[in-house]
C-alpha atoms as a PDB file:
ATOM      1  CA  MET A   1      -9.973  -6.333   0.917  1.00  0.00           C
ATOM      2  CA  ARG A   2      -8.126  -7.942  -1.957  1.00  0.00           C
ATOM      3  CA  PHE A   3      -4.397  -8.541  -1.858  1.00  0.00           C
ATOM      4  CA  MET A   4      -1.951  -9.917  -4.381  1.00  0.00           C
ATOM      5  CA  ILE A   5       0.824 -12.123  -3.094  1.00  0.00           C
ATOM      6  CA  ILE A   6       3.547 -11.553  -5.678  1.00  0.00           C
ATOM      7  CA  VAL A   7       6.311 -14.082  -6.236  1.00  0.00           C
ATOM      8  CA  LYS A   8       9.371 -12.126  -7.308  1.00  0.00           C
ATOM      9  CA  SER A   9      11.445 -13.726 -10.023  1.00  0.00           C
ATOM     10  CA  CYS A  10      15.075 -14.818  -9.864  1.00  0.00           C
ATOM     11  CA  PRO A  11      17.625 -15.879 -12.494  1.00  0.00           C
ATOM     12  CA  GLU A  12      16.667 -19.563 -12.071  1.00  0.00           C
ATOM     13  CA  PHE A  13      12.991 -18.826 -12.786  1.00  0.00           C
ATOM     14  CA  GLU A  14      13.892 -16.767 -15.859  1.00  0.00           C
ATOM     15  CA  ALA A  15      16.148 -19.601 -17.123  1.00  0.00           C
ATOM     16  CA  GLU A  16      13.365 -22.123 -16.421  1.00  0.00           C
ATOM     17  CA  VAL A  17      15.705 -24.223 -14.287  1.00  0.00           C
ATOM     18  CA  THR A  18      13.828 -27.103 -12.661  1.00  0.00           C
ATOM     19  CA  PRO A  19      13.923 -26.636  -8.876  1.00  0.00           C
ATOM     20  CA  GLU A  20      15.286 -29.313  -6.598  1.00  0.00           C
ATOM     21  CA  ALA A  21      12.492 -31.667  -5.495  1.00  0.00           C
ATOM     22  CA  PRO A  22       9.905 -30.208  -7.923  1.00  0.00           C
ATOM     23  CA  GLU A  23       7.195 -32.667  -6.815  1.00  0.00           C
ATOM     24  CA  GLU A  24       7.639 -31.629  -3.177  1.00  0.00           C
ATOM     25  CA  LEU A  25       7.474 -27.936  -4.075  1.00  0.00           C
ATOM     26  CA  MET A  26       4.366 -28.451  -6.233  1.00  0.00           C
ATOM     27  CA  ALA A  27       2.726 -30.407  -3.407  1.00  0.00           C
ATOM     28  CA  GLU A  28       3.458 -27.581  -0.944  1.00  0.00           C
ATOM     29  CA  MET A  29       1.998 -24.991  -3.309  1.00  0.00           C
ATOM     30  CA  ALA A  30      -1.068 -27.148  -3.989  1.00  0.00           C
ATOM     31  CA  ALA A  31      -1.644 -27.690  -0.260  1.00  0.00           C
ATOM     32  CA  TYR A  32      -1.295 -23.968   0.454  1.00  0.00           C
ATOM     33  CA  HIS A  33      -3.730 -22.996  -2.317  1.00  0.00           C
ATOM     34  CA  ALA A  34      -6.158 -25.712  -1.188  1.00  0.00           C
ATOM     35  CA  GLU A  35      -6.031 -24.245   2.324  1.00  0.00           C
ATOM     36  CA  LEU A  36      -6.756 -20.780   0.923  1.00  0.00           C
ATOM     37  CA  ALA A  37      -9.693 -22.232  -1.041  1.00  0.00           C
ATOM     38  CA  ARG A  38     -11.104 -24.042   2.020  1.00  0.00           C
ATOM     39  CA  ALA A  39     -10.893 -20.775   3.981  1.00  0.00           C
ATOM     40  CA  GLY A  40     -12.833 -19.051   1.184  1.00  0.00           C
ATOM     41  CA  VAL A  41     -10.153 -16.421   0.511  1.00  0.00           C
ATOM     42  CA  LEU A  42      -8.577 -17.671  -2.744  1.00  0.00           C
ATOM     43  CA  LEU A  43      -9.559 -15.700  -5.853  1.00  0.00           C
ATOM     44  CA  ASP A  44      -6.837 -16.803  -8.283  1.00  0.00           C
ATOM     45  CA  GLY A  45      -3.221 -17.866  -8.496  1.00  0.00           C
ATOM     46  CA  SER A  46      -0.741 -18.863 -11.147  1.00  0.00           C
ATOM     47  CA  GLY A  47       2.849 -18.850 -12.242  1.00  0.00           C
ATOM     48  CA  LEU A  48       4.053 -16.788 -15.173  1.00  0.00           C
ATOM     49  CA  HIS A  49       6.210 -17.754 -18.133  1.00  0.00           C
ATOM     50  CA  PRO A  50       9.675 -16.145 -18.164  1.00  0.00           C
ATOM     51  CA  SER A  51      10.036 -12.585 -19.430  1.00  0.00           C
ATOM     52  CA  ARG A  52      11.581 -13.718 -22.729  1.00  0.00           C
ATOM     53  CA  THR A  53       8.048 -14.683 -23.818  1.00  0.00           C
ATOM     54  CA  GLY A  54       6.553 -11.318 -22.896  1.00  0.00           C
ATOM     55  CA  TRP A  55       6.764  -7.698 -23.935  1.00  0.00           C
ATOM     56  CA  ARG A  56       6.342  -4.238 -22.485  1.00  0.00           C
ATOM     57  CA  ILE A  57       4.483  -1.268 -23.917  1.00  0.00           C
ATOM     58  CA  HIS A  58       6.295   2.023 -23.323  1.00  0.00           C
ATOM     59  CA  HIS A  59       4.084   5.126 -23.580  1.00  0.00           C
ATOM     60  CA  ASN A  60       5.473   8.607 -24.073  1.00  0.00           C
ATOM     61  CA  ALA A  61       4.537  11.959 -25.631  1.00  0.00           C
ATOM     62  CA  SER A  62       5.107  10.681 -29.168  1.00  0.00           C
ATOM     63  CA  GLY A  63       3.062   7.492 -28.768  1.00  0.00           C
ATOM     64  CA  SER A  64       3.966   4.002 -27.678  1.00  0.00           C
ATOM     65  CA  THR A  65       6.533   1.365 -28.543  1.00  0.00           C
ATOM     66  CA  VAL A  66       6.708  -2.362 -27.925  1.00  0.00           C
ATOM     67  CA  VAL A  67       9.809  -3.840 -26.300  1.00  0.00           C
ATOM     68  CA  ASP A  68      10.149  -7.620 -26.423  1.00  0.00           C
ATOM     69  CA  GLY A  69      11.541  -9.606 -23.486  1.00  0.00           C
ATOM     70  CA  PRO A  70      13.658 -10.887 -21.938  1.00  0.00           C
ATOM     71  CA  PHE A  71      14.171  -8.161 -19.375  1.00  0.00           C
ATOM     72  CA  ALA A  72      17.498  -7.769 -17.594  1.00  0.00           C
ATOM     73  CA  GLU A  73      16.701  -7.452 -13.892  1.00  0.00           C
ATOM     74  CA  ALA A  74      15.154 -10.760 -12.828  1.00  0.00           C
ATOM     75  CA  LYS A  75      14.695  -9.528  -9.235  1.00  0.00           C
ATOM     76  CA  GLU A  76      12.392  -6.781 -10.517  1.00  0.00           C
ATOM     77  CA  LEU A  77      10.149  -9.228 -12.392  1.00  0.00           C
ATOM     78  CA  ILE A  78       7.118 -11.197 -11.255  1.00  0.00           C
ATOM     79  CA  ALA A  79       7.219 -14.997 -11.534  1.00  0.00           C
ATOM     80  CA  GLY A  80       3.743 -15.690 -10.179  1.00  0.00           C
ATOM     81  CA  TYR A  81       0.923 -14.471  -7.993  1.00  0.00           C
ATOM     82  CA  THR A  82      -1.883 -15.480  -5.690  1.00  0.00           C
ATOM     83  CA  LEU A  83      -4.910 -13.234  -5.356  1.00  0.00           C
ATOM     84  CA  ILE A  84      -6.790 -13.366  -2.047  1.00  0.00           C
ATOM     85  CA  GLN A  85      -9.764 -11.594  -0.494  1.00  0.00           C
ATOM     86  CA  VAL A  86      -9.584 -11.199   3.273  1.00  0.00           C
ATOM     87  CA  ARG A  87     -11.137  -9.103   6.021  1.00  0.00           C
ATOM     88  CA  SER A  88      -8.004  -7.234   7.134  1.00  0.00           C
ATOM     89  CA  ARG A  89      -4.392  -6.393   6.451  1.00  0.00           C
ATOM     90  CA  GLU A  90      -3.430  -8.598   9.380  1.00  0.00           C
ATOM     91  CA  GLU A  91      -5.203 -11.612   7.862  1.00  0.00           C
ATOM     92  CA  ALA A  92      -3.400 -10.972   4.566  1.00  0.00           C
ATOM     93  CA  MET A  93      -0.104 -10.809   6.459  1.00  0.00           C
ATOM     94  CA  GLU A  94      -0.817 -14.142   8.145  1.00  0.00           C
ATOM     95  CA  TRP A  95      -1.588 -15.861   4.843  1.00  0.00           C
ATOM     96  CA  SER A  96       1.493 -14.383   3.164  1.00  0.00           C
ATOM     97  CA  ARG A  97       3.769 -15.605   5.973  1.00  0.00           C
ATOM     98  CA  ARG A  98       2.544 -19.131   5.296  1.00  0.00           C
ATOM     99  CA  PHE A  99       3.275 -18.970   1.549  1.00  0.00           C
ATOM    100  CA  PRO A 100       5.740 -21.765   0.671  1.00  0.00           C
ATOM    101  CA  ASN A 101       9.196 -20.781  -0.514  1.00  0.00           C
ATOM    102  CA  PRO A 102       8.699 -20.745  -4.303  1.00  0.00           C
ATOM    103  CA  ALA A 103      12.381 -21.441  -4.981  1.00  0.00           C
ATOM    104  CA  GLY A 104      12.454 -24.478  -2.678  1.00  0.00           C
ATOM    105  CA  LYS A 105      13.564 -25.060   0.897  1.00  0.00           C
ATOM    106  CA  GLY A 106      16.739 -23.228   1.851  1.00  0.00           C
ATOM    107  CA  LYS A 107      16.820 -21.100  -1.321  1.00  0.00           C
ATOM    108  CA  GLU A 108      16.514 -17.327  -1.513  1.00  0.00           C
ATOM    109  CA  ALA A 109      13.116 -16.054  -2.598  1.00  0.00           C
ATOM    110  CA  VAL A 110      11.039 -12.914  -2.138  1.00  0.00           C
ATOM    111  CA  ILE A 111       7.280 -12.673  -1.704  1.00  0.00           C
ATOM    112  CA  GLU A 112       5.727  -9.216  -1.960  1.00  0.00           C
ATOM    113  CA  LEU A 113       2.217  -8.371  -0.803  1.00  0.00           C
ATOM    114  CA  ARG A 114       0.207  -5.522  -2.317  1.00  0.00           C
ATOM    115  CA  GLN A 115      -3.359  -4.435  -1.679  1.00  0.00           C
ATOM    116  CA  LEU A 116      -5.531  -3.959  -4.751  1.00  0.00           C
ATOM    117  CA  ILE A 117      -7.237  -0.612  -5.217  1.00  0.00           C
ATOM    118  CA  GLU A 118     -10.996  -1.031  -4.973  1.00  0.00           C
ATOM    119  CA  LEU A 119     -13.309   1.017  -7.177  1.00  0.00           C
ATOM    120  CA  ASP A 120     -15.031   2.458  -4.084  1.00  0.00           C
ATOM    121  CA  GLU A 121     -11.789   4.291  -3.267  1.00  0.00           C
ATOM    122  CA  PHE A 122     -12.286   6.657  -6.233  1.00  0.00           C
ATOM    123  CA  PRO A 123     -14.549   9.722  -6.192  1.00  0.00           C
ATOM    124  CA  PRO A 124     -17.929   9.201  -7.915  1.00  0.00           C
ATOM    125  CA  SER A 125     -18.061   9.854 -11.667  1.00  0.00           C
ATOM    126  CA  ASP A 126     -19.751   8.537 -14.806  1.00  0.00           C
ATOM    127  CA  ALA A 127     -16.546   6.743 -15.797  1.00  0.00           C
ATOM    128  CA  LEU A 128     -16.430   5.090 -12.371  1.00  0.00           C
ATOM    129  CA  GLN A 129     -20.016   3.873 -12.786  1.00  0.00           C
ATOM    130  CA  GLN A 130     -19.028   2.331 -16.128  1.00  0.00           C
ATOM    131  CA  MET A 131     -16.043   0.612 -14.500  1.00  0.00           C
ATOM    132  CA  LYS A 132     -18.260  -0.727 -11.699  1.00  0.00           C
ATOM    133  CA  ALA A 133     -20.716  -2.119 -14.232  1.00  0.00           C
ATOM    134  CA  LEU A 134     -17.890  -3.857 -16.098  1.00  0.00           C
ATOM    135  CA  ASP A 135     -16.394  -5.126 -12.828  1.00  0.00           C
ATOM    136  CA  GLY A 136     -19.778  -6.598 -11.867  1.00  0.00           C
ATOM    137  CA  GLN A 137     -20.011  -8.372 -15.210  1.00  0.00           C
ATOM    138  CA  ALA A 138     -16.495  -9.774 -14.875  1.00  0.00           C
ATOM    139  CA  ARG A 139     -17.209 -11.219 -11.426  1.00  0.00           C
ATOM    140  CA  THR A 140     -20.366 -13.081 -12.449  1.00  0.00           C
END
């Protein structure tokens, strides 16, 4: 089972404000990710640049349009993620509870956990077989 630990953004992240004790926070994050790696559950993890450097594609009946960032609601944005592969929902919950506060000790922060949809959850089809072949190539 793969899960994404999502670090929700906040106005400070969007403004690229340096957190208090940045070395301490980076050390906590590094130690946590090293622990995930030693346990064999870490797949990937990274922070994201603020939304002002990104864009969104809006699709509708008449086509699609590009909307450049920044985006207004920081609390609805993602500031980073960690992707893990574990045996159960409970194991994912345990790892997510140990995730360091990304805003720093004593600050408000939100971590969201979401399970990834696996290709085996879809009914068989030719398109699914193509996706599985591509997924196998990407993982090698």
